[in-house]
Amino acid sequence: CELADGQGLNGGELFEYLGTPNVARDMVEMVDKVDELREK
């Protein structure tokens, strides 16, 4: 996993950014984007 991540084989460094707090923050943004689309 370290080799794949370090060499960018997954499209760049990724593994340290997959934790639950990041996904929870993603959901905040998705809620906002749904609201923006509805207003648009």
PDB file of all heavy atoms in Angstrom:
ATOM      1  N   CYS A   1       0.830  -1.205   0.000  1.00  0.00           N
ATOM      2  CA  CYS A   1       0.000   0.000   0.000  1.00  0.00           C
ATOM      3  C   CYS A   1       0.863   1.253   0.000  1.00  0.00           C
ATOM      4  O   CYS A   1       0.561   2.243  -0.689  1.00  0.00           O
ATOM      5  CB  CYS A   1      -0.930   0.001   1.210  1.00  0.00           C
ATOM      6  SG  CYS A   1      -2.103  -1.384   1.252  1.00  0.00           S
ATOM      7  N   GLU A   2       1.937   1.229   0.773  1.00  0.00           N
ATOM      8  CA  GLU A   2       2.845   2.377   0.841  1.00  0.00           C
ATOM      9  C   GLU A   2       3.481   2.638  -0.514  1.00  0.00           C
ATOM     10  O   GLU A   2       3.603   3.792  -0.955  1.00  0.00           O
ATOM     11  CB  GLU A   2       3.916   2.114   1.893  1.00  0.00           C
ATOM     12  CG  GLU A   2       4.853   3.277   2.146  1.00  0.00           C
ATOM     13  CD  GLU A   2       5.852   2.971   3.249  1.00  0.00           C
ATOM     14  OE1 GLU A   2       6.399   1.832   3.257  1.00  0.00           O
ATOM     15  OE2 GLU A   2       6.072   3.833   4.107  1.00  0.00           O
ATOM     16  N   LEU A   3       3.865   1.577  -1.196  1.00  0.00           N
ATOM     17  CA  LEU A   3       4.486   1.710  -2.511  1.00  0.00           C
ATOM     18  C   LEU A   3       3.498   2.288  -3.520  1.00  0.00           C
ATOM     19  O   LEU A   3       3.826   3.223  -4.267  1.00  0.00           O
ATOM     20  CB  LEU A   3       4.978   0.347  -2.997  1.00  0.00           C
ATOM     21  CG  LEU A   3       5.630   0.319  -4.380  1.00  0.00           C
ATOM     22  CD1 LEU A   3       6.918   1.131  -4.373  1.00  0.00           C
ATOM     23  CD2 LEU A   3       5.915  -1.130  -4.806  1.00  0.00           C
ATOM     24  N   ALA A   4       2.282   1.739  -3.538  1.00  0.00           N
ATOM     25  CA  ALA A   4       1.270   2.210  -4.489  1.00  0.00           C
ATOM     26  C   ALA A   4       0.937   3.671  -4.243  1.00  0.00           C
ATOM     27  O   ALA A   4       0.797   4.462  -5.189  1.00  0.00           O
ATOM     28  CB  ALA A   4       0.013   1.352  -4.393  1.00  0.00           C
ATOM     29  N   ASP A   5       0.828   4.061  -2.986  1.00  0.00           N
ATOM     30  CA  ASP A   5       0.464   5.435  -2.653  1.00  0.00           C
ATOM     31  C   ASP A   5       1.623   6.391  -2.928  1.00  0.00           C
ATOM     32  O   ASP A   5       1.429   7.470  -3.483  1.00  0.00           O
ATOM     33  CB  ASP A   5       0.057   5.516  -1.186  1.00  0.00           C
ATOM     34  CG  ASP A   5      -0.873   6.686  -0.890  1.00  0.00           C
ATOM     35  OD1 ASP A   5      -1.987   6.697  -1.437  1.00  0.00           O
ATOM     36  OD2 ASP A   5      -0.478   7.566  -0.114  1.00  0.00           O
ATOM     37  N   GLY A   6       2.821   5.982  -2.544  1.00  0.00           N
ATOM     38  CA  GLY A   6       3.981   6.859  -2.696  1.00  0.00           C
ATOM     39  C   GLY A   6       4.348   7.112  -4.134  1.00  0.00           C
ATOM     40  O   GLY A   6       4.835   8.201  -4.477  1.00  0.00           O
ATOM     41  N   GLN A   7       4.101   6.143  -4.997  1.00  0.00           N
ATOM     42  CA  GLN A   7       4.432   6.302  -6.411  1.00  0.00           C
ATOM     43  C   GLN A   7       3.284   6.888  -7.223  1.00  0.00           C
ATOM     44  O   GLN A   7       3.376   6.995  -8.444  1.00  0.00           O
ATOM     45  CB  GLN A   7       4.846   4.947  -7.003  1.00  0.00           C
ATOM     46  CG  GLN A   7       6.145   4.412  -6.434  1.00  0.00           C
ATOM     47  CD  GLN A   7       6.589   3.115  -7.099  1.00  0.00           C
ATOM     48  OE1 GLN A   7       5.843   2.498  -7.862  1.00  0.00           O
ATOM     49  NE2 GLN A   7       7.815   2.699  -6.817  1.00  0.00           N
ATOM     50  N   GLY A   8       2.190   7.219  -6.524  1.00  0.00           N
ATOM     51  CA  GLY A   8       1.069   7.821  -7.225  1.00  0.00           C
ATOM     52  C   GLY A   8       0.305   6.862  -8.103  1.00  0.00           C
ATOM     53  O   GLY A   8      -0.397   7.281  -9.034  1.00  0.00           O
ATOM     54  N   LEU A   9       0.412   5.557  -7.818  1.00  0.00           N
ATOM     55  CA  LEU A   9      -0.252   4.569  -8.669  1.00  0.00           C
ATOM     56  C   LEU A   9      -1.761   4.606  -8.514  1.00  0.00           C
ATOM     57  O   LEU A   9      -2.490   4.061  -9.342  1.00  0.00           O
ATOM     58  CB  LEU A   9       0.277   3.162  -8.344  1.00  0.00           C
ATOM     59  CG  LEU A   9       1.787   2.960  -8.541  1.00  0.00           C
ATOM     60  CD1 LEU A   9       2.179   1.533  -8.183  1.00  0.00           C
ATOM     61  CD2 LEU A   9       2.174   3.261  -9.986  1.00  0.00           C
ATOM     62  N   ASN A  10      -2.250   5.239  -7.434  1.00  0.00           N
ATOM     63  CA  ASN A  10      -3.685   5.412  -7.252  1.00  0.00           C
ATOM     64  C   ASN A  10      -4.155   6.784  -7.727  1.00  0.00           C
ATOM     65  O   ASN A  10      -5.266   7.209  -7.417  1.00  0.00           O
ATOM     66  CB  ASN A  10      -4.063   5.249  -5.768  1.00  0.00           C
ATOM     67  CG  ASN A  10      -3.969   3.814  -5.309  1.00  0.00           C
ATOM     68  OD1 ASN A  10      -4.295   2.905  -6.056  1.00  0.00           O
ATOM     69  ND2 ASN A  10      -3.525   3.616  -4.084  1.00  0.00           N
ATOM     70  N   GLY A  11      -3.301   7.464  -8.457  1.00  0.00           N
ATOM     71  CA  GLY A  11      -3.661   8.808  -8.910  1.00  0.00           C
ATOM     72  C   GLY A  11      -3.151   9.884  -7.970  1.00  0.00           C
ATOM     73  O   GLY A  11      -3.544  11.040  -8.074  1.00  0.00           O
ATOM     74  N   GLY A  12      -2.281   9.518  -7.063  1.00  0.00           N
ATOM     75  CA  GLY A  12      -1.736  10.477  -6.101  1.00  0.00           C
ATOM     76  C   GLY A  12      -1.845   9.952  -4.696  1.00  0.00           C
ATOM     77  O   GLY A  12      -2.393   8.885  -4.452  1.00  0.00           O
ATOM     78  N   GLU A  13      -1.271  10.675  -3.728  1.00  0.00           N
ATOM     79  CA  GLU A  13      -1.365  10.267  -2.337  1.00  0.00           C
ATOM     80  C   GLU A  13      -2.824  10.278  -1.906  1.00  0.00           C
ATOM     81  O   GLU A  13      -3.537  11.245  -2.129  1.00  0.00           O
ATOM     82  CB  GLU A  13      -0.533  11.205  -1.466  1.00  0.00           C
ATOM     83  CG  GLU A  13       0.964  11.121  -1.748  1.00  0.00           C
ATOM     84  CD  GLU A  13       1.760  12.075  -0.887  1.00  0.00           C
ATOM     85  OE1 GLU A  13       1.127  12.912  -0.209  1.00  0.00           O
ATOM     86  OE2 GLU A  13       2.997  12.000  -0.892  1.00  0.00           O
ATOM     87  N   LEU A  14      -3.261   9.192  -1.266  1.00  0.00           N
ATOM     88  CA  LEU A  14      -4.682   9.050  -1.013  1.00  0.00           C
ATOM     89  C   LEU A  14      -5.004   8.487   0.361  1.00  0.00           C
ATOM     90  O   LEU A  14      -5.930   8.959   1.033  1.00  0.00           O
ATOM     91  CB  LEU A  14      -5.293   8.133  -2.093  1.00  0.00           C
ATOM     92  CG  LEU A  14      -6.785   7.851  -2.012  1.00  0.00           C
ATOM     93  CD1 LEU A  14      -7.587   9.131  -2.222  1.00  0.00           C
ATOM     94  CD2 LEU A  14      -7.184   6.796  -3.049  1.00  0.00           C
ATOM     95  N   PHE A  15      -4.262   7.472   0.811  1.00  0.00           N
ATOM     96  CA  PHE A  15      -4.683   6.662   1.954  1.00  0.00           C
ATOM     97  C   PHE A  15      -4.885   7.464   3.244  1.00  0.00           C
ATOM     98  O   PHE A  15      -5.762   7.134   4.035  1.00  0.00           O
ATOM     99  CB  PHE A  15      -3.684   5.527   2.200  1.00  0.00           C
ATOM    100  CG  PHE A  15      -3.844   4.387   1.239  1.00  0.00           C
ATOM    101  CD1 PHE A  15      -2.836   4.063   0.346  1.00  0.00           C
ATOM    102  CD2 PHE A  15      -5.001   3.634   1.222  1.00  0.00           C
ATOM    103  CE1 PHE A  15      -2.974   3.013  -0.546  1.00  0.00           C
ATOM    104  CE2 PHE A  15      -5.151   2.575   0.343  1.00  0.00           C
ATOM    105  CZ  PHE A  15      -4.140   2.264  -0.550  1.00  0.00           C
ATOM    106  N   GLU A  16      -4.101   8.507   3.461  1.00  0.00           N
ATOM    107  CA  GLU A  16      -4.242   9.249   4.720  1.00  0.00           C
ATOM    108  C   GLU A  16      -5.443  10.190   4.713  1.00  0.00           C
ATOM    109  O   GLU A  16      -5.790  10.787   5.740  1.00  0.00           O
ATOM    110  CB  GLU A  16      -2.967  10.037   5.023  1.00  0.00           C
ATOM    111  CG  GLU A  16      -2.669  11.157   4.057  1.00  0.00           C
ATOM    112  CD  GLU A  16      -1.367  11.870   4.392  1.00  0.00           C
ATOM    113  OE1 GLU A  16      -1.386  12.711   5.312  1.00  0.00           O
ATOM    114  OE2 GLU A  16      -0.349  11.574   3.730  1.00  0.00           O
ATOM    115  N   TYR A  17      -6.145  10.285   3.575  1.00  0.00           N
ATOM    116  CA  TYR A  17      -7.273  11.217   3.461  1.00  0.00           C
ATOM    117  C   TYR A  17      -8.624  10.506   3.341  1.00  0.00           C
ATOM    118  O   TYR A  17      -9.609  11.113   2.934  1.00  0.00           O
ATOM    119  CB  TYR A  17      -7.077  12.118   2.241  1.00  0.00           C
ATOM    120  CG  TYR A  17      -5.809  12.927   2.301  1.00  0.00           C
ATOM    121  CD1 TYR A  17      -4.676  12.526   1.589  1.00  0.00           C
ATOM    122  CD2 TYR A  17      -5.734  14.071   3.081  1.00  0.00           C
ATOM    123  CE1 TYR A  17      -3.506  13.259   1.648  1.00  0.00           C
ATOM    124  CE2 TYR A  17      -4.562  14.812   3.148  1.00  0.00           C
ATOM    125  CZ  TYR A  17      -3.450  14.398   2.429  1.00  0.00           C
ATOM    126  OH  TYR A  17      -2.283  15.123   2.501  1.00  0.00           O
ATOM    127  N   LEU A  18      -8.669   9.229   3.703  1.00  0.00           N
ATOM    128  CA  LEU A  18      -9.902   8.456   3.530  1.00  0.00           C
ATOM    129  C   LEU A  18     -10.706   8.303   4.810  1.00  0.00           C
ATOM    130  O   LEU A  18     -11.771   7.688   4.788  1.00  0.00           O
ATOM    131  CB  LEU A  18      -9.566   7.063   2.971  1.00  0.00           C
ATOM    132  CG  LEU A  18      -8.854   7.019   1.623  1.00  0.00           C
ATOM    133  CD1 LEU A  18      -8.697   5.572   1.155  1.00  0.00           C
ATOM    134  CD2 LEU A  18      -9.592   7.829   0.569  1.00  0.00           C
ATOM    135  N   GLY A  19     -10.240   8.846   5.921  1.00  0.00           N
ATOM    136  CA  GLY A  19     -10.875   8.630   7.211  1.00  0.00           C
ATOM    137  C   GLY A  19     -12.279   9.211   7.310  1.00  0.00           C
ATOM    138  O   GLY A  19     -12.700  10.069   6.525  1.00  0.00           O
ATOM    139  N   THR A  20     -12.996   8.753   8.324  1.00  0.00           N
ATOM    140  CA  THR A  20     -14.396   9.113   8.506  1.00  0.00           C
ATOM    141  C   THR A  20     -14.629  10.614   8.653  1.00  0.00           C
ATOM    142  O   THR A  20     -15.624  11.132   8.119  1.00  0.00           O
ATOM    143  CB  THR A  20     -14.972   8.345   9.701  1.00  0.00           C
ATOM    144  OG1 THR A  20     -14.816   6.938   9.460  1.00  0.00           O
ATOM    145  CG2 THR A  20     -16.445   8.640   9.905  1.00  0.00           C
ATOM    146  N   PRO A  21     -13.786  11.386   9.364  1.00  0.00           N
ATOM    147  CA  PRO A  21     -14.039  12.838   9.425  1.00  0.00           C
ATOM    148  C   PRO A  21     -14.079  13.492   8.048  1.00  0.00           C
ATOM    149  O   PRO A  21     -14.901  14.385   7.801  1.00  0.00           O
ATOM    150  CB  PRO A  21     -12.868  13.363  10.269  1.00  0.00           C
ATOM    151  CG  PRO A  21     -12.482  12.204  11.123  1.00  0.00           C
ATOM    152  CD  PRO A  21     -12.652  11.002  10.240  1.00  0.00           C
ATOM    153  N   ASN A  22     -13.210  13.056   7.144  1.00  0.00           N
ATOM    154  CA  ASN A  22     -13.225  13.607   5.796  1.00  0.00           C
ATOM    155  C   ASN A  22     -14.521  13.267   5.071  1.00  0.00           C
ATOM    156  O   ASN A  22     -15.086  14.095   4.352  1.00  0.00           O
ATOM    157  CB  ASN A  22     -12.030  13.079   4.994  1.00  0.00           C
ATOM    158  CG  ASN A  22     -10.738  13.792   5.331  1.00  0.00           C
ATOM    159  OD1 ASN A  22     -10.623  15.001   5.184  1.00  0.00           O
ATOM    160  ND2 ASN A  22      -9.758  13.037   5.801  1.00  0.00           N
ATOM    161  N   VAL A  23     -15.011  12.029   5.247  1.00  0.00           N
ATOM    162  CA  VAL A  23     -16.254  11.628   4.581  1.00  0.00           C
ATOM    163  C   VAL A  23     -17.436  12.401   5.165  1.00  0.00           C
ATOM    164  O   VAL A  23     -18.353  12.808   4.441  1.00  0.00           O
ATOM    165  CB  VAL A  23     -16.466  10.108   4.706  1.00  0.00           C
ATOM    166  CG1 VAL A  23     -17.756   9.690   3.998  1.00  0.00           C
ATOM    167  CG2 VAL A  23     -15.278   9.347   4.112  1.00  0.00           C
ATOM    168  N   ALA A  24     -17.424  12.613   6.481  1.00  0.00           N
ATOM    169  CA  ALA A  24     -18.480  13.414   7.103  1.00  0.00           C
ATOM    170  C   ALA A  24     -18.484  14.829   6.535  1.00  0.00           C
ATOM    171  O   ALA A  24     -19.549  15.397   6.238  1.00  0.00           O
ATOM    172  CB  ALA A  24     -18.289  13.447   8.621  1.00  0.00           C
ATOM    173  N   ARG A  25     -17.303  15.395   6.351  1.00  0.00           N
ATOM    174  CA  ARG A  25     -17.216  16.748   5.760  1.00  0.00           C
ATOM    175  C   ARG A  25     -17.662  16.723   4.302  1.00  0.00           C
ATOM    176  O   ARG A  25     -18.293  17.694   3.829  1.00  0.00           O
ATOM    177  CB  ARG A  25     -15.778  17.266   5.882  1.00  0.00           C
ATOM    178  CG  ARG A  25     -15.577  18.662   5.308  1.00  0.00           C
ATOM    179  CD  ARG A  25     -16.419  19.697   6.045  1.00  0.00           C
ATOM    180  NE  ARG A  25     -16.274  21.034   5.473  1.00  0.00           N
ATOM    181  CZ  ARG A  25     -16.959  21.491   4.431  1.00  0.00           C
ATOM    182  NH1 ARG A  25     -17.843  20.701   3.838  1.00  0.00           N
ATOM    183  NH2 ARG A  25     -16.765  22.720   3.976  1.00  0.00           N
ATOM    184  N   ASP A  26     -17.360  15.650   3.595  1.00  0.00           N
ATOM    185  CA  ASP A  26     -17.867  15.506   2.225  1.00  0.00           C
ATOM    186  C   ASP A  26     -19.398  15.571   2.207  1.00  0.00           C
ATOM    187  O   ASP A  26     -19.999  16.171   1.307  1.00  0.00           O
ATOM    188  CB  ASP A  26     -17.426  14.171   1.616  1.00  0.00           C
ATOM    189  CG  ASP A  26     -15.945  14.116   1.278  1.00  0.00           C
ATOM    190  OD1 ASP A  26     -15.299  15.179   1.236  1.00  0.00           O
ATOM    191  OD2 ASP A  26     -15.440  12.994   1.058  1.00  0.00           O
ATOM    192  N   MET A  27     -20.032  14.947   3.206  1.00  0.00           N
ATOM    193  CA  MET A  27     -21.497  14.945   3.241  1.00  0.00           C
ATOM    194  C   MET A  27     -22.046  16.353   3.466  1.00  0.00           C
ATOM    195  O   MET A  27     -23.090  16.704   2.910  1.00  0.00           O
ATOM    196  CB  MET A  27     -22.015  13.975   4.305  1.00  0.00           C
ATOM    197  CG  MET A  27     -21.866  12.511   3.926  1.00  0.00           C
ATOM    198  SD  MET A  27     -23.082  11.440   4.729  1.00  0.00           S
ATOM    199  CE  MET A  27     -22.635  11.641   6.444  1.00  0.00           C
ATOM    200  N   VAL A  28     -21.379  17.150   4.290  1.00  0.00           N
ATOM    201  CA  VAL A  28     -21.803  18.540   4.464  1.00  0.00           C
ATOM    202  C   VAL A  28     -21.824  19.247   3.109  1.00  0.00           C
ATOM    203  O   VAL A  28     -22.787  19.938   2.751  1.00  0.00           O
ATOM    204  CB  VAL A  28     -20.867  19.292   5.432  1.00  0.00           C
ATOM    205  CG1 VAL A  28     -21.207  20.775   5.457  1.00  0.00           C
ATOM    206  CG2 VAL A  28     -20.963  18.709   6.832  1.00  0.00           C
ATOM    207  N   GLU A  29     -20.754  19.051   2.356  1.00  0.00           N
ATOM    208  CA  GLU A  29     -20.660  19.700   1.052  1.00  0.00           C
ATOM    209  C   GLU A  29     -21.732  19.188   0.093  1.00  0.00           C
ATOM    210  O   GLU A  29     -22.323  19.963  -0.674  1.00  0.00           O
ATOM    211  CB  GLU A  29     -19.260  19.473   0.459  1.00  0.00           C
ATOM    212  CG  GLU A  29     -18.883  20.440  -0.634  1.00  0.00           C
ATOM    213  CD  GLU A  29     -18.610  21.851  -0.117  1.00  0.00           C
ATOM    214  OE1 GLU A  29     -18.569  22.057   1.110  1.00  0.00           O
ATOM    215  OE2 GLU A  29     -18.421  22.754  -0.953  1.00  0.00           O
ATOM    216  N   MET A  30     -21.992  17.886   0.136  1.00  0.00           N
ATOM    217  CA  MET A  30     -23.018  17.323  -0.743  1.00  0.00           C
ATOM    218  C   MET A  30     -24.395  17.878  -0.413  1.00  0.00           C
ATOM    219  O   MET A  30     -25.200  18.171  -1.311  1.00  0.00           O
ATOM    220  CB  MET A  30     -23.004  15.796  -0.656  1.00  0.00           C
ATOM    221  CG  MET A  30     -21.863  15.147  -1.428  1.00  0.00           C
ATOM    222  SD  MET A  30     -21.962  13.342  -1.449  1.00  0.00           S
ATOM    223  CE  MET A  30     -20.974  12.944  -0.017  1.00  0.00           C
ATOM    224  N   VAL A  31     -24.689  18.029   0.875  1.00  0.00           N
ATOM    225  CA  VAL A  31     -25.960  18.625   1.287  1.00  0.00           C
ATOM    226  C   VAL A  31     -26.081  20.042   0.727  1.00  0.00           C
ATOM    227  O   VAL A  31     -27.134  20.450   0.206  1.00  0.00           O
ATOM    228  CB  VAL A  31     -26.094  18.631   2.820  1.00  0.00           C
ATOM    229  CG1 VAL A  31     -27.280  19.480   3.266  1.00  0.00           C
ATOM    230  CG2 VAL A  31     -26.244  17.206   3.347  1.00  0.00           C
ATOM    231  N   ASP A  32     -24.993  20.812   0.817  1.00  0.00           N
ATOM    232  CA  ASP A  32     -25.011  22.177   0.300  1.00  0.00           C
ATOM    233  C   ASP A  32     -25.192  22.197  -1.219  1.00  0.00           C
ATOM    234  O   ASP A  32     -25.912  23.048  -1.762  1.00  0.00           O
ATOM    235  CB  ASP A  32     -23.718  22.901   0.673  1.00  0.00           C
ATOM    236  CG  ASP A  32     -23.660  23.268   2.144  1.00  0.00           C
ATOM    237  OD1 ASP A  32     -24.716  23.232   2.810  1.00  0.00           O
ATOM    238  OD2 ASP A  32     -22.566  23.599   2.634  1.00  0.00           O
ATOM    239  N   LYS A  33     -24.526  21.271  -1.904  1.00  0.00           N
ATOM    240  CA  LYS A  33     -24.618  21.232  -3.360  1.00  0.00           C
ATOM    241  C   LYS A  33     -26.015  20.832  -3.825  1.00  0.00           C
ATOM    242  O   LYS A  33     -26.505  21.330  -4.851  1.00  0.00           O
ATOM    243  CB  LYS A  33     -23.574  20.276  -3.938  1.00  0.00           C
ATOM    244  CG  LYS A  33     -22.138  20.713  -3.703  1.00  0.00           C
ATOM    245  CD  LYS A  33     -21.855  22.093  -4.295  1.00  0.00           C
ATOM    246  CE  LYS A  33     -20.421  22.532  -4.046  1.00  0.00           C
ATOM    247  NZ  LYS A  33     -20.148  23.886  -4.602  1.00  0.00           N
ATOM    248  N   VAL A  34     -26.657  19.930  -3.093  1.00  0.00           N
ATOM    249  CA  VAL A  34     -28.036  19.578  -3.410  1.00  0.00           C
ATOM    250  C   VAL A  34     -28.938  20.796  -3.261  1.00  0.00           C
ATOM    251  O   VAL A  34     -29.807  21.069  -4.096  1.00  0.00           O
ATOM    252  CB  VAL A  34     -28.526  18.419  -2.509  1.00  0.00           C
ATOM    253  CG1 VAL A  34     -30.038  18.246  -2.622  1.00  0.00           C
ATOM    254  CG2 VAL A  34     -27.822  17.119  -2.885  1.00  0.00           C
ATOM    255  N   ASP A  35     -28.710  21.561  -2.198  1.00  0.00           N
ATOM    256  CA  ASP A  35     -29.507  22.767  -1.952  1.00  0.00           C
ATOM    257  C   ASP A  35     -29.258  23.808  -3.029  1.00  0.00           C
ATOM    258  O   ASP A  35     -30.198  24.448  -3.525  1.00  0.00           O
ATOM    259  CB  ASP A  35     -29.158  23.317  -0.571  1.00  0.00           C
ATOM    260  CG  ASP A  35     -30.069  24.460  -0.151  1.00  0.00           C
ATOM    261  OD1 ASP A  35     -31.262  24.194   0.087  1.00  0.00           O
ATOM    262  OD2 ASP A  35     -29.591  25.597  -0.061  1.00  0.00           O
ATOM    263  N   GLU A  36     -28.002  23.996  -3.423  1.00  0.00           N
ATOM    264  CA  GLU A  36     -27.667  24.957  -4.466  1.00  0.00           C
ATOM    265  C   GLU A  36     -28.324  24.584  -5.789  1.00  0.00           C
ATOM    266  O   GLU A  36     -28.847  25.450  -6.510  1.00  0.00           O
ATOM    267  CB  GLU A  36     -26.146  25.036  -4.643  1.00  0.00           C
ATOM    268  CG  GLU A  36     -25.420  25.721  -3.501  1.00  0.00           C
ATOM    269  CD  GLU A  36     -23.914  25.663  -3.674  1.00  0.00           C
ATOM    270  OE1 GLU A  36     -23.458  25.302  -4.790  1.00  0.00           O
ATOM    271  OE2 GLU A  36     -23.194  25.957  -2.706  1.00  0.00           O
ATOM    272  N   LEU A  37     -28.293  23.293  -6.122  1.00  0.00           N
ATOM    273  CA  LEU A  37     -28.893  22.843  -7.371  1.00  0.00           C
ATOM    274  C   LEU A  37     -30.400  23.083  -7.366  1.00  0.00           C
ATOM    275  O   LEU A  37     -30.974  23.520  -8.372  1.00  0.00           O
ATOM    276  CB  LEU A  37     -28.593  21.363  -7.589  1.00  0.00           C
ATOM    277  CG  LEU A  37     -29.213  20.729  -8.842  1.00  0.00           C
ATOM    278  CD1 LEU A  37     -28.708  21.420 -10.104  1.00  0.00           C
ATOM    279  CD2 LEU A  37     -28.905  19.229  -8.898  1.00  0.00           C
ATOM    280  N   ARG A  38     -31.027  22.832  -6.231  1.00  0.00           N
ATOM    281  CA  ARG A  38     -32.476  23.038  -6.158  1.00  0.00           C
ATOM    282  C   ARG A  38     -32.824  24.517  -6.336  1.00  0.00           C
ATOM    283  O   ARG A  38     -33.785  24.868  -7.019  1.00  0.00           O
ATOM    284  CB  ARG A  38     -32.996  22.499  -4.831  1.00  0.00           C
ATOM    285  CG  ARG A  38     -34.518  22.498  -4.727  1.00  0.00           C
ATOM    286  CD  ARG A  38     -35.015  21.433  -3.780  1.00  0.00           C
ATOM    287  NE  ARG A  38     -34.742  20.102  -4.314  1.00  0.00           N
ATOM    288  CZ  ARG A  38     -34.017  19.167  -3.693  1.00  0.00           C
ATOM    289  NH1 ARG A  38     -33.511  19.408  -2.509  1.00  0.00           N
ATOM    290  NH2 ARG A  38     -33.820  17.998  -4.236  1.00  0.00           N
ATOM    291  N   GLU A  39     -32.035  25.390  -5.746  1.00  0.00           N
ATOM    292  CA  GLU A  39     -32.280  26.829  -5.913  1.00  0.00           C
ATOM    293  C   GLU A  39     -32.029  27.265  -7.354  1.00  0.00           C
ATOM    294  O   GLU A  39     -32.776  28.094  -7.908  1.00  0.00           O
ATOM    295  CB  GLU A  39     -31.382  27.622  -4.956  1.00  0.00           C
ATOM    296  CG  GLU A  39     -31.765  27.495  -3.488  1.00  0.00           C
ATOM    297  CD  GLU A  39     -30.923  28.395  -2.604  1.00  0.00           C
ATOM    298  OE1 GLU A  39     -30.012  29.070  -3.144  1.00  0.00           O
ATOM    299  OE2 GLU A  39     -31.171  28.429  -1.389  1.00  0.00           O
ATOM    300  N   LYS A  40     -30.995  26.713  -7.958  1.00  0.00           N
ATOM    301  CA  LYS A  40     -30.681  27.053  -9.341  1.00  0.00           C
ATOM    302  C   LYS A  40     -31.800  26.622 -10.276  1.00  0.00           C
ATOM    303  O   LYS A  40     -32.212  27.370 -11.170  1.00  0.00           O
ATOM    304  CB  LYS A  40     -29.363  26.386  -9.743  1.00  0.00           C
ATOM    305  CG  LYS A  40     -28.938  26.658 -11.178  1.00  0.00           C
ATOM    306  CD  LYS A  40     -27.626  25.953 -11.484  1.00  0.00           C
ATOM    307  CE  LYS A  40     -27.204  26.181 -12.932  1.00  0.00           C
ATOM    308  NZ  LYS A  40     -25.927  25.457 -13.242  1.00  0.00           N
TER     309      LYS A  40
END
